[in-house]
C-alpha atoms as a PDB file:
ATOM      1  CA  MET A   1     143.366 114.267 120.019  1.00  0.00           C
ATOM      2  CA  SER A   2     140.262 113.281 118.111  1.00  0.00           C
ATOM      3  CA  ASP A   3     139.719 111.253 114.983  1.00  0.00           C
ATOM      4  CA  LYS A   4     136.976 112.289 112.603  1.00  0.00           C
ATOM      5  CA  LEU A   5     135.156 109.582 110.742  1.00  0.00           C
ATOM      6  CA  MET A   6     133.256 110.991 107.825  1.00  0.00           C
ATOM      7  CA  PRO A   7     130.032 109.360 106.644  1.00  0.00           C
ATOM      8  CA  ASP A   8     130.054 106.790 103.863  1.00  0.00           C
ATOM      9  CA  ASP A   9     126.496 107.608 102.866  1.00  0.00           C
ATOM     10  CA  THR A  10     124.106 110.176 104.249  1.00  0.00           C
ATOM     11  CA  SER A  11     120.327 109.892 104.123  1.00  0.00           C
ATOM     12  CA  THR A  12     118.029 112.724 105.126  1.00  0.00           C
ATOM     13  CA  ASP A  13     117.319 110.861 108.390  1.00  0.00           C
ATOM     14  CA  ASP A  14     120.953 111.349 109.361  1.00  0.00           C
ATOM     15  CA  MET A  15     120.974 115.087 108.750  1.00  0.00           C
ATOM     16  CA  THR A  16     120.222 118.027 110.953  1.00  0.00           C
ATOM     17  CA  SER A  17     117.558 120.563 110.067  1.00  0.00           C
ATOM     18  CA  ASP A  18     120.173 122.589 108.154  1.00  0.00           C
ATOM     19  CA  GLY A  19     121.020 119.608 105.916  1.00  0.00           C
ATOM     20  CA  ALA A  20     124.362 118.738 107.513  1.00  0.00           C
ATOM     21  CA  PRO A  21     125.167 115.218 108.752  1.00  0.00           C
ATOM     22  CA  VAL A  22     124.491 114.584 112.442  1.00  0.00           C
ATOM     23  CA  ARG A  23     127.760 115.224 114.312  1.00  0.00           C
ATOM     24  CA  VAL A  24     128.438 112.914 117.253  1.00  0.00           C
ATOM     25  CA  VAL A  25     131.212 113.168 119.844  1.00  0.00           C
ATOM     26  CA  LEU A  26     132.078 109.698 121.207  1.00  0.00           C
ATOM     27  CA  ALA A  27     134.252 109.136 124.265  1.00  0.00           C
ATOM     28  CA  LYS A  28     135.129 106.846 127.137  1.00  0.00           C
ATOM     29  CA  LEU A  29     134.779 108.757 130.373  1.00  0.00           C
ATOM     30  CA  GLY A  30     137.116 108.124 133.275  1.00  0.00           C
ATOM     31  CA  LEU A  31     139.609 105.327 133.712  1.00  0.00           C
ATOM     32  CA  ASP A  32     137.686 102.562 131.948  1.00  0.00           C
ATOM     33  CA  GLY A  33     140.122 101.151 129.381  1.00  0.00           C
ATOM     34  CA  HIS A  34     137.727  98.975 127.368  1.00  0.00           C
ATOM     35  CA  ASP A  35     137.022 100.734 124.056  1.00  0.00           C
ATOM     36  CA  ARG A  36     136.262  97.987 121.546  1.00  0.00           C
ATOM     37  CA  GLY A  37     132.493  98.547 121.785  1.00  0.00           C
ATOM     38  CA  LEU A  38     132.848 102.294 121.352  1.00  0.00           C
ATOM     39  CA  LYS A  39     134.942 101.751 118.231  1.00  0.00           C
ATOM     40  CA  VAL A  40     132.192  99.508 116.857  1.00  0.00           C
ATOM     41  CA  VAL A  41     129.618 102.214 117.665  1.00  0.00           C
ATOM     42  CA  ALA A  42     131.770 104.807 115.867  1.00  0.00           C
ATOM     43  CA  ARG A  43     131.794 102.646 112.761  1.00  0.00           C
ATOM     44  CA  ILE A  44     128.037 101.966 112.984  1.00  0.00           C
ATOM     45  CA  LEU A  45     127.263 105.683 113.184  1.00  0.00           C
ATOM     46  CA  ARG A  46     129.667 106.571 110.396  1.00  0.00           C
ATOM     47  CA  ASP A  47     128.174 103.857 108.198  1.00  0.00           C
ATOM     48  CA  ALA A  48     124.714 105.263 109.018  1.00  0.00           C
ATOM     49  CA  GLY A  49     125.763 108.608 107.529  1.00  0.00           C
ATOM     50  CA  MET A  50     126.790 110.517 110.634  1.00  0.00           C
ATOM     51  CA  GLU A  51     130.008 112.400 111.244  1.00  0.00           C
ATOM     52  CA  VAL A  52     131.818 110.943 114.262  1.00  0.00           C
ATOM     53  CA  ILE A  53     134.347 112.789 116.397  1.00  0.00           C
ATOM     54  CA  TYR A  54     136.050 109.959 118.308  1.00  0.00           C
ATOM     55  CA  LEU A  55     137.875 111.199 121.414  1.00  0.00           C
ATOM     56  CA  GLY A  56     138.878 107.774 122.682  1.00  0.00           C
ATOM     57  CA  LEU A  57     139.853 106.616 126.144  1.00  0.00           C
ATOM     58  CA  ARG A  58     140.257 108.386 129.484  1.00  0.00           C
ATOM     59  CA  GLN A  59     138.352 111.543 128.733  1.00  0.00           C
ATOM     60  CA  THR A  60     137.084 114.010 131.315  1.00  0.00           C
ATOM     61  CA  SER A  61     133.796 115.874 131.346  1.00  0.00           C
ATOM     62  CA  GLU A  62     135.772 119.002 130.505  1.00  0.00           C
ATOM     63  CA  SER A  63     137.466 117.461 127.449  1.00  0.00           C
ATOM     64  CA  ILE A  64     134.153 116.117 126.170  1.00  0.00           C
ATOM     65  CA  ILE A  65     132.426 119.491 126.593  1.00  0.00           C
ATOM     66  CA  ALA A  66     135.349 121.308 124.923  1.00  0.00           C
ATOM     67  CA  ALA A  67     135.197 118.961 121.923  1.00  0.00           C
ATOM     68  CA  THR A  68     131.417 119.301 121.755  1.00  0.00           C
ATOM     69  CA  GLU A  69     131.745 123.090 121.590  1.00  0.00           C
ATOM     70  CA  GLN A  70     134.668 123.109 119.160  1.00  0.00           C
ATOM     71  CA  GLU A  71     133.086 120.576 116.822  1.00  0.00           C
ATOM     72  CA  ASP A  72     129.537 121.963 117.104  1.00  0.00           C
ATOM     73  CA  ALA A  73     128.314 118.441 117.881  1.00  0.00           C
ATOM     74  CA  ASP A  74     124.640 117.523 117.789  1.00  0.00           C
ATOM     75  CA  VAL A  75     124.913 114.564 120.204  1.00  0.00           C
ATOM     76  CA  ILE A  76     127.398 113.231 122.770  1.00  0.00           C
ATOM     77  CA  GLY A  77     127.810 109.492 123.217  1.00  0.00           C
ATOM     78  CA  VAL A  78     129.724 108.140 126.191  1.00  0.00           C
ATOM     79  CA  SER A  79     130.522 104.541 126.990  1.00  0.00           C
ATOM     80  CA  MET A  80     130.803 103.388 130.581  1.00  0.00           C
ATOM     81  CA  HIS A  81     131.502  99.900 131.839  1.00  0.00           C
ATOM     82  CA  ASN A  82     132.741 100.885 135.284  1.00  0.00           C
ATOM     83  CA  ASN A  83     129.414 101.272 137.129  1.00  0.00           C
ATOM     84  CA  GLY A  84     129.923 105.038 137.244  1.00  0.00           C
ATOM     85  CA  HIS A  85     126.939 105.970 135.115  1.00  0.00           C
ATOM     86  CA  LEU A  86     124.887 107.409 138.009  1.00  0.00           C
ATOM     87  CA  THR A  87     127.764 109.739 138.925  1.00  0.00           C
ATOM     88  CA  LEU A  88     129.467 110.443 135.604  1.00  0.00           C
ATOM     89  CA  ALA A  89     126.418 111.036 133.374  1.00  0.00           C
ATOM     90  CA  PRO A  90     124.980 113.748 135.690  1.00  0.00           C
ATOM     91  CA  GLU A  91     128.489 115.249 135.881  1.00  0.00           C
ATOM     92  CA  ILE A  92     128.585 115.624 132.085  1.00  0.00           C
ATOM     93  CA  LEU A  93     125.047 117.020 132.056  1.00  0.00           C
ATOM     94  CA  SER A  94     126.013 119.612 134.688  1.00  0.00           C
ATOM     95  CA  ALA A  95     129.095 120.561 132.681  1.00  0.00           C
ATOM     96  CA  LEU A  96     126.918 120.951 129.563  1.00  0.00           C
ATOM     97  CA  THR A  97     124.552 123.246 131.449  1.00  0.00           C
ATOM     98  CA  ALA A  98     127.459 125.270 132.864  1.00  0.00           C
ATOM     99  CA  ALA A  99     128.807 125.695 129.318  1.00  0.00           C
ATOM    100  CA  GLY A 100     125.403 126.861 128.079  1.00  0.00           C
ATOM    101  CA  LEU A 101     124.962 123.818 125.836  1.00  0.00           C
ATOM    102  CA  ASP A 102     121.866 121.686 125.400  1.00  0.00           C
ATOM    103  CA  THR A 103     123.541 118.854 123.489  1.00  0.00           C
ATOM    104  CA  PRO A 104     121.795 115.530 124.192  1.00  0.00           C
ATOM    105  CA  LEU A 105     123.766 112.795 125.953  1.00  0.00           C
ATOM    106  CA  VAL A 106     123.411 109.118 125.045  1.00  0.00           C
ATOM    107  CA  VAL A 107     124.972 106.632 127.479  1.00  0.00           C
ATOM    108  CA  GLY A 108     126.148 103.202 126.427  1.00  0.00           C
ATOM    109  CA  GLY A 109     127.475 100.328 128.459  1.00  0.00           C
ATOM    110  CA  ILE A 110     126.405  98.175 131.347  1.00  0.00           C
ATOM    111  CA  VAL A 111     123.427  99.992 132.851  1.00  0.00           C
ATOM    112  CA  PRO A 112     121.053  98.093 135.134  1.00  0.00           C
ATOM    113  CA  THR A 113     117.387  98.521 134.222  1.00  0.00           C
ATOM    114  CA  GLU A 114     116.653  99.878 137.715  1.00  0.00           C
ATOM    115  CA  ASP A 115     118.981 102.858 137.010  1.00  0.00           C
ATOM    116  CA  LEU A 116     117.148 104.027 133.878  1.00  0.00           C
ATOM    117  CA  ASP A 117     114.639 106.299 135.623  1.00  0.00           C
ATOM    118  CA  GLU A 118     117.388 108.086 137.533  1.00  0.00           C
ATOM    119  CA  LEU A 119     119.415 108.641 134.349  1.00  0.00           C
ATOM    120  CA  TYR A 120     116.409 109.917 132.418  1.00  0.00           C
ATOM    121  CA  THR A 121     115.375 112.184 135.302  1.00  0.00           C
ATOM    122  CA  ALA A 122     118.916 113.610 135.322  1.00  0.00           C
ATOM    123  CA  GLY A 123     118.517 114.451 131.622  1.00  0.00           C
ATOM    124  CA  VAL A 124     120.148 111.587 129.717  1.00  0.00           C
ATOM    125  CA  ALA A 125     118.579 111.375 126.244  1.00  0.00           C
ATOM    126  CA  GLY A 126     119.107 107.651 125.638  1.00  0.00           C
ATOM    127  CA  VAL A 127     120.643 104.502 127.064  1.00  0.00           C
ATOM    128  CA  LEU A 128     122.094 101.620 125.066  1.00  0.00           C
ATOM    129  CA  GLY A 129     123.279  98.365 126.557  1.00  0.00           C
ATOM    130  CA  PRO A 130     125.275  95.403 125.305  1.00  0.00           C
ATOM    131  CA  GLY A 131     123.540  93.691 122.444  1.00  0.00           C
ATOM    132  CA  ALA A 132     121.914  96.814 121.002  1.00  0.00           C
ATOM    133  CA  SER A 133     121.656  96.344 117.255  1.00  0.00           C
ATOM    134  CA  ALA A 134     123.268  98.682 114.744  1.00  0.00           C
ATOM    135  CA  GLU A 135     119.787  99.948 113.887  1.00  0.00           C
ATOM    136  CA  GLU A 136     118.999 100.672 117.550  1.00  0.00           C
ATOM    137  CA  VAL A 137     122.295 102.526 117.995  1.00  0.00           C
ATOM    138  CA  ALA A 138     121.820 104.701 114.910  1.00  0.00           C
ATOM    139  CA  GLU A 139     118.139 105.357 115.651  1.00  0.00           C
ATOM    140  CA  SER A 140     118.896 106.361 119.250  1.00  0.00           C
ATOM    141  CA  VAL A 141     121.393 108.957 118.072  1.00  0.00           C
ATOM    142  CA  ARG A 142     119.062 110.204 115.316  1.00  0.00           C
ATOM    143  CA  LEU A 143     116.209 110.635 117.796  1.00  0.00           C
ATOM    144  CA  ALA A 144     118.448 112.333 120.365  1.00  0.00           C
ATOM    145  CA  ALA A 145     119.666 114.764 117.686  1.00  0.00           C
ATOM    146  CA  ARG A 146     116.015 115.646 116.978  1.00  0.00           C
ATOM    147  CA  GLY A 147     115.278 116.119 120.690  1.00  0.00           C
ATOM    148  CA  GLU A 148     113.290 112.910 120.984  1.00  0.00           C
ATOM    149  CA  ARG A 149     113.898 110.179 123.577  1.00  0.00           C
ATOM    150  CA  PRO A 150     114.617 106.750 122.130  1.00  0.00           C
ATOM    151  CA  ALA A 151     113.402 103.622 123.866  1.00  0.00           C
ATOM    152  CA  PRO A 152     116.115 102.176 126.101  1.00  0.00           C
ATOM    153  CA  SER A 153     117.983  99.187 124.754  1.00  0.00           C
ATOM    154  CA  VAL A 154     119.313  97.494 127.890  1.00  0.00           C
ATOM    155  CA  GLY A 155     119.039  94.161 129.623  1.00  0.00           C
END
């Protein structure tokens, strides 16, 4: 089940080329049960004018892809604190490709700096670590929605 958080205020920066708010699917992938940060990110993005589809904990690649298709999402954001980012992010990217989707993936969580190149080579659009500001979070999603790569905010 997903919760939709509608934007409080939408600027043109937070809209797609057709004038609709950026739609973001947010989820925790796998068995990681820590979701406080993802809930904060959901609120940040909603307050920045984006529409958030919050899937919550213990999602699979398949459930994330299904929600992305059903909700016509512009960006996927996943949070990982279980050191599975080098396995799970490419798994989602493969599932996106298999579904015929080119939705950008932004990864948040504990990601060592030395893993950034591998994630970007795999096709991850952006990486956010602990301590990323609200502005960095919103800008990363905006840039990913436009097909641009934001600067990493880790370490």
